[in-house]
Amino acid sequence: QVQLVESGGGLAQPGGSLRLSCQASGFTFSTSTMKWYRQAPRKEREFVASISGITIYKDSVKGRFTISRDNGKSTVYLQMNSLKPEDTAAYYCNANWNWLGTTYDYWGQGTQVTVSS
């Protein structure tokens, strides 16, 4: 079955860095669009970044976050630099693809990122 397992979250100081990883299995990773979302307390889940043939970022993370993927390892990464307190949230990995007219959409369990001094 499809599994997405995030790791790498934790506590970082403002201005610091963290690297999130999402290990995928159970589907053809190389042909899927991989995304990162985040959800802060009392807020809706929001898009952060995606990678397929191109990369797309939420405006507020452009220049600070970098999404990348290693198809050989079926893993997507989110390098987060210059972290701000407002980046504090649970970060979720998402896999999305279309097969014969059906869209498939799966989520990981999330990893917590806390930015605080």
PDB file of N, CA and C in Angstrom:
ATOM      1  N   GLN A   1       0.839  -1.189   0.000  1.00  0.00           N
ATOM      2  CA  GLN A   1       0.000   0.000   0.000  1.00  0.00           C
ATOM      3  C   GLN A   1       0.879   1.245   0.000  1.00  0.00           C
ATOM      4  N   VAL A   2       0.259   2.367  -0.321  1.00  0.00           N
ATOM      5  CA  VAL A   2       0.995   3.629  -0.371  1.00  0.00           C
ATOM      6  C   VAL A   2       1.358   4.071   1.041  1.00  0.00           C
ATOM      7  N   GLN A   3       2.619   4.429   1.208  1.00  0.00           N
ATOM      8  CA  GLN A   3       3.069   4.975   2.483  1.00  0.00           C
ATOM      9  C   GLN A   3       3.948   6.186   2.234  1.00  0.00           C
ATOM     10  N   LEU A   4       3.731   7.204   3.039  1.00  0.00           N
ATOM     11  CA  LEU A   4       4.550   8.402   3.033  1.00  0.00           C
ATOM     12  C   LEU A   4       4.972   8.656   4.469  1.00  0.00           C
ATOM     13  N   VAL A   5       6.266   8.643   4.715  1.00  0.00           N
ATOM     14  CA  VAL A   5       6.762   8.780   6.075  1.00  0.00           C
ATOM     15  C   VAL A   5       7.704   9.980   6.149  1.00  0.00           C
ATOM     16  N   GLU A   6       7.241  11.004   6.865  1.00  0.00           N
ATOM     17  CA  GLU A   6       8.041  12.221   7.015  1.00  0.00           C
ATOM     18  C   GLU A   6       8.992  12.094   8.202  1.00  0.00           C
ATOM     19  N   SER A   7      10.089  12.810   8.112  1.00  0.00           N
ATOM     20  CA  SER A   7      11.041  12.893   9.219  1.00  0.00           C
ATOM     21  C   SER A   7      11.819  14.187   9.092  1.00  0.00           C
ATOM     22  N   GLY A   8      12.546  14.519  10.147  1.00  0.00           N
ATOM     23  CA  GLY A   8      13.414  15.683  10.113  1.00  0.00           C
ATOM     24  C   GLY A   8      12.892  16.909  10.828  1.00  0.00           C
ATOM     25  N   GLY A   9      11.681  16.838  11.314  1.00  0.00           N
ATOM     26  CA  GLY A   9      11.158  17.975  12.053  1.00  0.00           C
ATOM     27  C   GLY A   9      11.838  18.127  13.404  1.00  0.00           C
ATOM     28  N   GLY A  10      11.529  19.225  14.069  1.00  0.00           N
ATOM     29  CA  GLY A  10      12.115  19.468  15.381  1.00  0.00           C
ATOM     30  C   GLY A  10      12.074  20.934  15.732  1.00  0.00           C
ATOM     31  N   LEU A  11      12.909  21.291  16.675  1.00  0.00           N
ATOM     32  CA  LEU A  11      13.000  22.667  17.152  1.00  0.00           C
ATOM     33  C   LEU A  11      14.181  23.363  16.502  1.00  0.00           C
ATOM     34  N   ALA A  12      13.943  24.543  15.972  1.00  0.00           N
ATOM     35  CA  ALA A  12      15.005  25.350  15.386  1.00  0.00           C
ATOM     36  C   ALA A  12      14.876  26.783  15.873  1.00  0.00           C
ATOM     37  N   GLN A  13      16.000  27.461  15.945  1.00  0.00           N
ATOM     38  CA  GLN A  13      15.977  28.879  16.310  1.00  0.00           C
ATOM     39  C   GLN A  13      15.657  29.718  15.087  1.00  0.00           C
ATOM     40  N   PRO A  14      15.111  30.888  15.294  1.00  0.00           N
ATOM     41  CA  PRO A  14      14.906  31.805  14.158  1.00  0.00           C
ATOM     42  C   PRO A  14      16.217  32.013  13.411  1.00  0.00           C
ATOM     43  N   GLY A  15      16.150  31.933  12.091  1.00  0.00           N
ATOM     44  CA  GLY A  15      17.346  32.025  11.275  1.00  0.00           C
ATOM     45  C   GLY A  15      18.021  30.701  11.031  1.00  0.00           C
ATOM     46  N   GLY A  16      17.568  29.668  11.710  1.00  0.00           N
ATOM     47  CA  GLY A  16      18.169  28.358  11.575  1.00  0.00           C
ATOM     48  C   GLY A  16      17.629  27.576  10.386  1.00  0.00           C
ATOM     49  N   SER A  17      18.053  26.320  10.313  1.00  0.00           N
ATOM     50  CA  SER A  17      17.683  25.460   9.195  1.00  0.00           C
ATOM     51  C   SER A  17      17.218  24.094   9.680  1.00  0.00           C
ATOM     52  N   LEU A  18      16.369  23.494   8.890  1.00  0.00           N
ATOM     53  CA  LEU A  18      15.956  22.102   9.058  1.00  0.00           C
ATOM     54  C   LEU A  18      15.770  21.510   7.674  1.00  0.00           C
ATOM     55  N   ARG A  19      15.947  20.196   7.597  1.00  0.00           N
ATOM     56  CA  ARG A  19      15.707  19.483   6.347  1.00  0.00           C
ATOM     57  C   ARG A  19      14.716  18.371   6.617  1.00  0.00           C
ATOM     58  N   LEU A  20      13.560  18.480   5.954  1.00  0.00           N
ATOM     59  CA  LEU A  20      12.544  17.453   6.063  1.00  0.00           C
ATOM     60  C   LEU A  20      12.724  16.429   4.950  1.00  0.00           C
ATOM     61  N   SER A  21      12.408  15.191   5.269  1.00  0.00           N
ATOM     62  CA  SER A  21      12.435  14.108   4.291  1.00  0.00           C
ATOM     63  C   SER A  21      11.088  13.406   4.286  1.00  0.00           C
ATOM     64  N   CYS A  22      10.726  12.876   3.146  1.00  0.00           N
ATOM     65  CA  CYS A  22       9.507  12.082   3.021  1.00  0.00           C
ATOM     66  C   CYS A  22       9.852  10.847   2.201  1.00  0.00           C
ATOM     67  N   GLN A  23       9.867   9.720   2.881  1.00  0.00           N
ATOM     68  CA  GLN A  23      10.157   8.438   2.233  1.00  0.00           C
ATOM     69  C   GLN A  23       8.861   7.839   1.715  1.00  0.00           C
ATOM     70  N   ALA A  24       8.819   7.567   0.419  1.00  0.00           N
ATOM     71  CA  ALA A  24       7.602   7.066  -0.204  1.00  0.00           C
ATOM     72  C   ALA A  24       7.749   5.600  -0.611  1.00  0.00           C
ATOM     73  N   SER A  25       6.637   4.900  -0.629  1.00  0.00           N
ATOM     74  CA  SER A  25       6.615   3.523  -1.097  1.00  0.00           C
ATOM     75  C   SER A  25       5.208   3.163  -1.545  1.00  0.00           C
ATOM     76  N   GLY A  26       5.114   2.126  -2.373  1.00  0.00           N
ATOM     77  CA  GLY A  26       3.814   1.618  -2.774  1.00  0.00           C
ATOM     78  C   GLY A  26       3.237   2.221  -4.038  1.00  0.00           C
ATOM     79  N   PHE A  27       4.009   3.064  -4.718  1.00  0.00           N
ATOM     80  CA  PHE A  27       3.544   3.639  -5.976  1.00  0.00           C
ATOM     81  C   PHE A  27       4.765   4.042  -6.793  1.00  0.00           C
ATOM     82  N   THR A  28       4.512   4.439  -8.041  1.00  0.00           N
ATOM     83  CA  THR A  28       5.609   4.834  -8.922  1.00  0.00           C
ATOM     84  C   THR A  28       6.002   6.264  -8.603  1.00  0.00           C
ATOM     85  N   PHE A  29       6.995   6.386  -7.754  1.00  0.00           N
ATOM     86  CA  PHE A  29       7.373   7.696  -7.229  1.00  0.00           C
ATOM     87  C   PHE A  29       7.805   8.658  -8.339  1.00  0.00           C
ATOM     88  N   SER A  30       8.560   8.176  -9.290  1.00  0.00           N
ATOM     89  CA  SER A  30       9.175   9.063 -10.275  1.00  0.00           C
ATOM     90  C   SER A  30       8.160   9.797 -11.147  1.00  0.00           C
ATOM     91  N   THR A  31       6.958   9.276 -11.276  1.00  0.00           N
ATOM     92  CA  THR A  31       5.963   9.917 -12.131  1.00  0.00           C
ATOM     93  C   THR A  31       4.912  10.690 -11.339  1.00  0.00           C
ATOM     94  N   SER A  32       5.102  10.792 -10.059  1.00  0.00           N
ATOM     95  CA  SER A  32       4.132  11.494  -9.221  1.00  0.00           C
ATOM     96  C   SER A  32       4.571  12.935  -8.977  1.00  0.00           C
ATOM     97  N   THR A  33       3.587  13.772  -8.683  1.00  0.00           N
ATOM     98  CA  THR A  33       3.880  15.114  -8.196  1.00  0.00           C
ATOM     99  C   THR A  33       3.941  15.041  -6.682  1.00  0.00           C
ATOM    100  N   MET A  34       5.021  15.544  -6.126  1.00  0.00           N
ATOM    101  CA  MET A  34       5.206  15.524  -4.677  1.00  0.00           C
ATOM    102  C   MET A  34       5.091  16.944  -4.139  1.00  0.00           C
ATOM    103  N   LYS A  35       4.406  17.063  -3.017  1.00  0.00           N
ATOM    104  CA  LYS A  35       4.159  18.378  -2.443  1.00  0.00           C
ATOM    105  C   LYS A  35       4.410  18.354  -0.938  1.00  0.00           C
ATOM    106  N   TRP A  36       4.685  19.534  -0.411  1.00  0.00           N
ATOM    107  CA  TRP A  36       4.707  19.744   1.025  1.00  0.00           C
ATOM    108  C   TRP A  36       3.623  20.759   1.376  1.00  0.00           C
ATOM    109  N   TYR A  37       2.886  20.439   2.416  1.00  0.00           N
ATOM    110  CA  TYR A  37       1.897  21.339   2.985  1.00  0.00           C
ATOM    111  C   TYR A  37       2.257  21.545   4.453  1.00  0.00           C
ATOM    112  N   ARG A  38       1.638  22.541   5.059  1.00  0.00           N
ATOM    113  CA  ARG A  38       1.813  22.733   6.498  1.00  0.00           C
ATOM    114  C   ARG A  38       0.515  23.225   7.118  1.00  0.00           C
ATOM    115  N   GLN A  39       0.401  22.949   8.405  1.00  0.00           N
ATOM    116  CA  GLN A  39      -0.787  23.383   9.134  1.00  0.00           C
ATOM    117  C   GLN A  39      -0.374  23.851  10.512  1.00  0.00           C
ATOM    118  N   ALA A  40      -0.593  25.137  10.756  1.00  0.00           N
ATOM    119  CA  ALA A  40      -0.315  25.721  12.056  1.00  0.00           C
ATOM    120  C   ALA A  40      -1.554  25.567  12.933  1.00  0.00           C
ATOM    121  N   PRO A  41      -1.378  25.628  14.245  1.00  0.00           N
ATOM    122  CA  PRO A  41      -2.533  25.514  15.155  1.00  0.00           C
ATOM    123  C   PRO A  41      -3.624  26.522  14.805  1.00  0.00           C
ATOM    124  N   ARG A  42      -4.833  26.046  14.755  1.00  0.00           N
ATOM    125  CA  ARG A  42      -6.022  26.886  14.522  1.00  0.00           C
ATOM    126  C   ARG A  42      -6.028  27.506  13.117  1.00  0.00           C
ATOM    127  N   LYS A  43      -5.239  26.951  12.221  1.00  0.00           N
ATOM    128  CA  LYS A  43      -5.239  27.442  10.838  1.00  0.00           C
ATOM    129  C   LYS A  43      -5.476  26.284   9.883  1.00  0.00           C
ATOM    130  N   GLU A  44      -5.883  26.621   8.675  1.00  0.00           N
ATOM    131  CA  GLU A  44      -6.099  25.598   7.660  1.00  0.00           C
ATOM    132  C   GLU A  44      -4.758  25.136   7.086  1.00  0.00           C
ATOM    133  N   ARG A  45      -4.777  23.931   6.574  1.00  0.00           N
ATOM    134  CA  ARG A  45      -3.585  23.407   5.922  1.00  0.00           C
ATOM    135  C   ARG A  45      -3.303  24.232   4.669  1.00  0.00           C
ATOM    136  N   GLU A  46      -2.029  24.568   4.447  1.00  0.00           N
ATOM    137  CA  GLU A  46      -1.678  25.396   3.303  1.00  0.00           C
ATOM    138  C   GLU A  46      -0.539  24.784   2.504  1.00  0.00           C
ATOM    139  N   PHE A  47      -0.572  25.060   1.220  1.00  0.00           N
ATOM    140  CA  PHE A  47       0.468  24.600   0.299  1.00  0.00           C
ATOM    141  C   PHE A  47       1.789  25.306   0.602  1.00  0.00           C
ATOM    142  N   VAL A  48       2.888  24.540   0.532  1.00  0.00           N
ATOM    143  CA  VAL A  48       4.212  25.111   0.730  1.00  0.00           C
ATOM    144  C   VAL A  48       5.043  25.027  -0.545  1.00  0.00           C
ATOM    145  N   ALA A  49       5.134  23.821  -1.115  1.00  0.00           N
ATOM    146  CA  ALA A  49       5.982  23.648  -2.298  1.00  0.00           C
ATOM    147  C   ALA A  49       5.599  22.362  -3.013  1.00  0.00           C
ATOM    148  N   SER A  50       5.866  22.333  -4.315  1.00  0.00           N
ATOM    149  CA  SER A  50       5.623  21.121  -5.089  1.00  0.00           C
ATOM    150  C   SER A  50       6.740  20.908  -6.088  1.00  0.00           C
ATOM    151  N   ILE A  51       6.888  19.655  -6.501  1.00  0.00           N
ATOM    152  CA  ILE A  51       7.902  19.319  -7.487  1.00  0.00           C
ATOM    153  C   ILE A  51       7.380  18.219  -8.395  1.00  0.00           C
ATOM    154  N   SER A  52       7.436  18.501  -9.691  1.00  0.00           N
ATOM    155  CA  SER A  52       7.165  17.492 -10.708  1.00  0.00           C
ATOM    156  C   SER A  52       8.244  17.712 -11.748  1.00  0.00           C
ATOM    157  N   GLY A  53       7.875  18.250 -12.894  1.00  0.00           N
ATOM    158  CA  GLY A  53       8.906  18.681 -13.823  1.00  0.00           C
ATOM    159  C   GLY A  53       9.418  20.057 -13.471  1.00  0.00           C
ATOM    160  N   ILE A  54       8.634  20.788 -12.690  1.00  0.00           N
ATOM    161  CA  ILE A  54       9.001  22.126 -12.235  1.00  0.00           C
ATOM    162  C   ILE A  54       8.788  22.196 -10.731  1.00  0.00           C
ATOM    163  N   THR A  55       9.311  23.252 -10.141  1.00  0.00           N
ATOM    164  CA  THR A  55       9.074  23.480  -8.715  1.00  0.00           C
ATOM    165  C   THR A  55       8.232  24.738  -8.540  1.00  0.00           C
ATOM    166  N   ILE A  56       7.349  24.686  -7.566  1.00  0.00           N
ATOM    167  CA  ILE A  56       6.472  25.813  -7.256  1.00  0.00           C
ATOM    168  C   ILE A  56       6.513  26.034  -5.753  1.00  0.00           C
ATOM    169  N   TYR A  57       6.517  27.298  -5.345  1.00  0.00           N
ATOM    170  CA  TYR A  57       6.615  27.623  -3.925  1.00  0.00           C
ATOM    171  C   TYR A  57       5.551  28.623  -3.510  1.00  0.00           C
ATOM    172  N   LYS A  58       5.149  28.501  -2.274  1.00  0.00           N
ATOM    173  CA  LYS A  58       4.348  29.547  -1.632  1.00  0.00           C
ATOM    174  C   LYS A  58       5.211  30.804  -1.575  1.00  0.00           C
ATOM    175  N   ASP A  59       4.615  31.949  -1.803  1.00  0.00           N
ATOM    176  CA  ASP A  59       5.385  33.196  -1.888  1.00  0.00           C
ATOM    177  C   ASP A  59       6.242  33.437  -0.647  1.00  0.00           C
ATOM    178  N   SER A  60       5.698  33.147   0.519  1.00  0.00           N
ATOM    179  CA  SER A  60       6.398  33.497   1.750  1.00  0.00           C
ATOM    180  C   SER A  60       7.617  32.612   2.027  1.00  0.00           C
ATOM    181  N   VAL A  61       7.798  31.527   1.279  1.00  0.00           N
ATOM    182  CA  VAL A  61       8.957  30.665   1.498  1.00  0.00           C
ATOM    183  C   VAL A  61       9.949  30.738   0.346  1.00  0.00           C
ATOM    184  N   LYS A  62       9.602  31.451  -0.714  1.00  0.00           N
ATOM    185  CA  LYS A  62      10.521  31.584  -1.850  1.00  0.00           C
ATOM    186  C   LYS A  62      11.847  32.183  -1.402  1.00  0.00           C
ATOM    187  N   GLY A  63      12.928  31.557  -1.864  1.00  0.00           N
ATOM    188  CA  GLY A  63      14.247  32.032  -1.497  1.00  0.00           C
ATOM    189  C   GLY A  63      14.752  31.490  -0.176  1.00  0.00           C
ATOM    190  N   ARG A  64      13.864  30.849   0.592  1.00  0.00           N
ATOM    191  CA  ARG A  64      14.277  30.273   1.888  1.00  0.00           C
ATOM    192  C   ARG A  64      14.157  28.747   1.888  1.00  0.00           C
ATOM    193  N   PHE A  65      13.144  28.231   1.228  1.00  0.00           N
ATOM    194  CA  PHE A  65      12.903  26.786   1.194  1.00  0.00           C
ATOM    195  C   PHE A  65      13.245  26.246  -0.199  1.00  0.00           C
ATOM    196  N   THR A  66      13.733  25.009  -0.228  1.00  0.00           N
ATOM    197  CA  THR A  66      14.017  24.345  -1.488  1.00  0.00           C
ATOM    198  C   THR A  66      13.465  22.925  -1.448  1.00  0.00           C
ATOM    199  N   ILE A  67      12.617  22.607  -2.410  1.00  0.00           N
ATOM    200  CA  ILE A  67      12.100  21.250  -2.530  1.00  0.00           C
ATOM    201  C   ILE A  67      12.945  20.502  -3.564  1.00  0.00           C
ATOM    202  N   SER A  68      13.223  19.247  -3.264  1.00  0.00           N
ATOM    203  CA  SER A  68      13.988  18.421  -4.197  1.00  0.00           C
ATOM    204  C   SER A  68      13.539  16.973  -4.048  1.00  0.00           C
ATOM    205  N   ARG A  69      13.956  16.146  -4.988  1.00  0.00           N
ATOM    206  CA  ARG A  69      13.564  14.747  -4.927  1.00  0.00           C
ATOM    207  C   ARG A  69      14.702  13.868  -5.414  1.00  0.00           C
ATOM    208  N   ASP A  70      14.733  12.675  -4.895  1.00  0.00           N
ATOM    209  CA  ASP A  70      15.676  11.643  -5.337  1.00  0.00           C
ATOM    210  C   ASP A  70      14.823  10.453  -5.756  1.00  0.00           C
ATOM    211  N   ASN A  71      14.619  10.306  -7.044  1.00  0.00           N
ATOM    212  CA  ASN A  71      13.746   9.237  -7.529  1.00  0.00           C
ATOM    213  C   ASN A  71      14.328   7.855  -7.236  1.00  0.00           C
ATOM    214  N   GLY A  72      15.635   7.745  -7.180  1.00  0.00           N
ATOM    215  CA  GLY A  72      16.263   6.466  -6.859  1.00  0.00           C
ATOM    216  C   GLY A  72      15.987   6.013  -5.434  1.00  0.00           C
ATOM    217  N   LYS A  73      15.779   6.988  -4.556  1.00  0.00           N
ATOM    218  CA  LYS A  73      15.490   6.679  -3.156  1.00  0.00           C
ATOM    219  C   LYS A  73      14.010   6.875  -2.822  1.00  0.00           C
ATOM    220  N   SER A  74      13.216   7.252  -3.818  1.00  0.00           N
ATOM    221  CA  SER A  74      11.788   7.519  -3.589  1.00  0.00           C
ATOM    222  C   SER A  74      11.589   8.459  -2.406  1.00  0.00           C
ATOM    223  N   THR A  75      12.338   9.522  -2.417  1.00  0.00           N
ATOM    224  CA  THR A  75      12.307  10.463  -1.303  1.00  0.00           C
ATOM    225  C   THR A  75      12.225  11.888  -1.820  1.00  0.00           C
ATOM    226  N   VAL A  76      11.408  12.678  -1.159  1.00  0.00           N
ATOM    227  CA  VAL A  76      11.321  14.102  -1.436  1.00  0.00           C
ATOM    228  C   VAL A  76      11.801  14.847  -0.195  1.00  0.00           C
ATOM    229  N   TYR A  77      12.476  15.953  -0.428  1.00  0.00           N
ATOM    230  CA  TYR A  77      13.068  16.730   0.650  1.00  0.00           C
ATOM    231  C   TYR A  77      12.514  18.157   0.657  1.00  0.00           C
ATOM    232  N   LEU A  78      12.582  18.770   1.813  1.00  0.00           N
ATOM    233  CA  LEU A  78      12.304  20.190   1.923  1.00  0.00           C
ATOM    234  C   LEU A  78      13.398  20.801   2.794  1.00  0.00           C
ATOM    235  N   GLN A  79      14.321  21.506   2.151  1.00  0.00           N
ATOM    236  CA  GLN A  79      15.364  22.213   2.875  1.00  0.00           C
ATOM    237  C   GLN A  79      14.821  23.572   3.277  1.00  0.00           C
ATOM    238  N   MET A  80      14.808  23.823   4.565  1.00  0.00           N
ATOM    239  CA  MET A  80      14.246  25.062   5.086  1.00  0.00           C
ATOM    240  C   MET A  80      15.344  25.876   5.749  1.00  0.00           C
ATOM    241  N   ASN A  81      15.641  27.019   5.181  1.00  0.00           N
ATOM    242  CA  ASN A  81      16.663  27.923   5.721  1.00  0.00           C
ATOM    243  C   ASN A  81      16.011  29.220   6.181  1.00  0.00           C
ATOM    244  N   SER A  82      16.758  29.989   6.929  1.00  0.00           N
ATOM    245  CA  SER A  82      16.273  31.291   7.422  1.00  0.00           C
ATOM    246  C   SER A  82      14.890  31.151   8.039  1.00  0.00           C
ATOM    247  N   LEU A  83      14.734  30.175   8.883  1.00  0.00           N
ATOM    248  CA  LEU A  83      13.425  29.880   9.461  1.00  0.00           C
ATOM    249  C   LEU A  83      12.926  31.036  10.316  1.00  0.00           C
ATOM    250  N   LYS A  84      11.608  31.203  10.284  1.00  0.00           N
ATOM    251  CA  LYS A  84      10.936  32.249  11.045  1.00  0.00           C
ATOM    252  C   LYS A  84       9.915  31.609  11.983  1.00  0.00           C
ATOM    253  N   PRO A  85       9.570  32.288  13.066  1.00  0.00           N
ATOM    254  CA  PRO A  85       8.546  31.724  13.968  1.00  0.00           C
ATOM    255  C   PRO A  85       7.252  31.382  13.248  1.00  0.00           C
ATOM    256  N   GLU A  86       6.908  32.138  12.227  1.00  0.00           N
ATOM    257  CA  GLU A  86       5.666  31.866  11.490  1.00  0.00           C
ATOM    258  C   GLU A  86       5.746  30.618  10.617  1.00  0.00           C
ATOM    259  N   ASP A  87       6.918  29.997  10.543  1.00  0.00           N
ATOM    260  CA  ASP A  87       7.044  28.715   9.848  1.00  0.00           C
ATOM    261  C   ASP A  87       6.650  27.552  10.754  1.00  0.00           C
ATOM    262  N   THR A  88       6.402  27.840  12.015  1.00  0.00           N
ATOM    263  CA  THR A  88       6.005  26.793  12.954  1.00  0.00           C
ATOM    264  C   THR A  88       4.693  26.149  12.516  1.00  0.00           C
ATOM    265  N   ALA A  89       4.729  24.840  12.344  1.00  0.00           N
ATOM    266  CA  ALA A  89       3.554  24.116  11.863  1.00  0.00           C
ATOM    267  C   ALA A  89       3.880  22.626  11.803  1.00  0.00           C
ATOM    268  N   ALA A  90       2.847  21.833  11.624  1.00  0.00           N
ATOM    269  CA  ALA A  90       3.043  20.441  11.239  1.00  0.00           C
ATOM    270  C   ALA A  90       3.174  20.411   9.721  1.00  0.00           C
ATOM    271  N   TYR A  91       4.202  19.748   9.244  1.00  0.00           N
ATOM    272  CA  TYR A  91       4.477  19.688   7.801  1.00  0.00           C
ATOM    273  C   TYR A  91       4.105  18.302   7.276  1.00  0.00           C
ATOM    274  N   TYR A  92       3.352  18.310   6.173  1.00  0.00           N
ATOM    275  CA  TYR A  92       2.834  17.081   5.602  1.00  0.00           C
ATOM    276  C   TYR A  92       3.336  16.882   4.177  1.00  0.00           C
ATOM    277  N   CYS A  93       3.677  15.670   3.871  1.00  0.00           N
ATOM    278  CA  CYS A  93       4.073  15.267   2.532  1.00  0.00           C
ATOM    279  C   CYS A  93       2.826  14.776   1.786  1.00  0.00           C
ATOM    280  N   ASN A  94       2.740  15.106   0.522  1.00  0.00           N
ATOM    281  CA  ASN A  94       1.595  14.706  -0.297  1.00  0.00           C
ATOM    282  C   ASN A  94       2.087  14.142  -1.629  1.00  0.00           C
ATOM    283  N   ALA A  95       1.485  13.038  -2.033  1.00  0.00           N
ATOM    284  CA  ALA A  95       1.777  12.443  -3.340  1.00  0.00           C
ATOM    285  C   ALA A  95       0.517  12.477  -4.187  1.00  0.00           C
ATOM    286  N   ASN A  96       0.661  12.886  -5.416  1.00  0.00           N
ATOM    287  CA  ASN A  96      -0.497  13.032  -6.298  1.00  0.00           C
ATOM    288  C   ASN A  96      -0.134  12.567  -7.707  1.00  0.00           C
ATOM    289  N   TRP A  97      -1.015  11.756  -8.286  1.00  0.00           N
ATOM    290  CA  TRP A  97      -0.811  11.348  -9.675  1.00  0.00           C
ATOM    291  C   TRP A  97      -2.133  10.942 -10.297  1.00  0.00           C
ATOM    292  N   ASN A  98      -2.139  10.887 -11.600  1.00  0.00           N
ATOM    293  CA  ASN A  98      -3.324  10.501 -12.352  1.00  0.00           C
ATOM    294  C   ASN A  98      -3.020   9.238 -13.139  1.00  0.00           C
ATOM    295  N   TRP A  99      -3.920   8.284 -13.043  1.00  0.00           N
ATOM    296  CA  TRP A  99      -3.735   7.014 -13.768  1.00  0.00           C
ATOM    297  C   TRP A  99      -5.061   6.636 -14.417  1.00  0.00           C
ATOM    298  N   LEU A 100      -5.051   6.637 -15.726  1.00  0.00           N
ATOM    299  CA  LEU A 100      -6.238   6.254 -16.502  1.00  0.00           C
ATOM    300  C   LEU A 100      -7.474   7.047 -16.077  1.00  0.00           C
ATOM    301  N   GLY A 101      -7.284   8.338 -15.881  1.00  0.00           N
ATOM    302  CA  GLY A 101      -8.411   9.205 -15.595  1.00  0.00           C
ATOM    303  C   GLY A 101      -8.783   9.296 -14.128  1.00  0.00           C
ATOM    304  N   THR A 102      -8.110   8.546 -13.270  1.00  0.00           N
ATOM    305  CA  THR A 102      -8.385   8.603 -11.835  1.00  0.00           C
ATOM    306  C   THR A 102      -7.231   9.310 -11.131  1.00  0.00           C
ATOM    307  N   THR A 103      -7.589  10.264 -10.274  1.00  0.00           N
ATOM    308  CA  THR A 103      -6.573  10.980  -9.509  1.00  0.00           C
ATOM    309  C   THR A 103      -6.370  10.302  -8.167  1.00  0.00           C
ATOM    310  N   TYR A 104      -5.117  10.083  -7.833  1.00  0.00           N
ATOM    311  CA  TYR A 104      -4.746   9.485  -6.558  1.00  0.00           C
ATOM    312  C   TYR A 104      -4.038  10.538  -5.710  1.00  0.00           C
ATOM    313  N   ASP A 105      -4.382  10.587  -4.442  1.00  0.00           N
ATOM    314  CA  ASP A 105      -3.884  11.634  -3.557  1.00  0.00           C
ATOM    315  C   ASP A 105      -3.666  11.025  -2.174  1.00  0.00           C
ATOM    316  N   TYR A 106      -2.417  11.058  -1.703  1.00  0.00           N
ATOM    317  CA  TYR A 106      -2.086  10.450  -0.431  1.00  0.00           C
ATOM    318  C   TYR A 106      -1.290  11.415   0.440  1.00  0.00           C
ATOM    319  N   TRP A 107      -1.429  11.222   1.762  1.00  0.00           N
ATOM    320  CA  TRP A 107      -0.785  12.103   2.742  1.00  0.00           C
ATOM    321  C   TRP A 107       0.049  11.293   3.726  1.00  0.00           C
ATOM    322  N   GLY A 108       1.125  11.911   4.190  1.00  0.00           N
ATOM    323  CA  GLY A 108       1.872  11.355   5.297  1.00  0.00           C
ATOM    324  C   GLY A 108       1.244  11.761   6.609  1.00  0.00           C
ATOM    325  N   GLN A 109       1.886  11.328   7.687  1.00  0.00           N
ATOM    326  CA  GLN A 109       1.322  11.571   9.025  1.00  0.00           C
ATOM    327  C   GLN A 109       1.752  12.923   9.590  1.00  0.00           C
ATOM    328  N   GLY A 110       2.732  13.548   8.965  1.00  0.00           N
ATOM    329  CA  GLY A 110       3.171  14.873   9.402  1.00  0.00           C
ATOM    330  C   GLY A 110       4.370  14.840  10.330  1.00  0.00           C
ATOM    331  N   THR A 111       5.131  15.913  10.299  1.00  0.00           N
ATOM    332  CA  THR A 111       6.249  16.091  11.210  1.00  0.00           C
ATOM    333  C   THR A 111       6.226  17.532  11.719  1.00  0.00           C
ATOM    334  N   GLN A 112       6.427  17.694  13.009  1.00  0.00           N
ATOM    335  CA  GLN A 112       6.283  19.014  13.626  1.00  0.00           C
ATOM    336  C   GLN A 112       7.565  19.828  13.492  1.00  0.00           C
ATOM    337  N   VAL A 113       7.404  21.064  13.062  1.00  0.00           N
ATOM    338  CA  VAL A 113       8.499  22.031  13.014  1.00  0.00           C
ATOM    339  C   VAL A 113       8.146  23.184  13.940  1.00  0.00           C
ATOM    340  N   THR A 114       9.025  23.471  14.884  1.00  0.00           N
ATOM    341  CA  THR A 114       8.823  24.572  15.810  1.00  0.00           C
ATOM    342  C   THR A 114      10.017  25.507  15.715  1.00  0.00           C
ATOM    343  N   VAL A 115       9.736  26.768  15.422  1.00  0.00           N
ATOM    344  CA  VAL A 115      10.796  27.771  15.311  1.00  0.00           C
ATOM    345  C   VAL A 115      10.631  28.750  16.465  1.00  0.00           C
ATOM    346  N   SER A 116      11.585  28.712  17.373  1.00  0.00           N
ATOM    347  CA  SER A 116      11.472  29.525  18.581  1.00  0.00           C
ATOM    348  C   SER A 116      12.849  29.710  19.195  1.00  0.00           C
ATOM    349  N   SER A 117      13.026  30.866  19.834  1.00  0.00           N
ATOM    350  CA  SER A 117      14.275  31.107  20.548  1.00  0.00           C
ATOM    351  C   SER A 117      14.147  30.694  22.010  1.00  0.00           C
TER     352      SER A 117
END
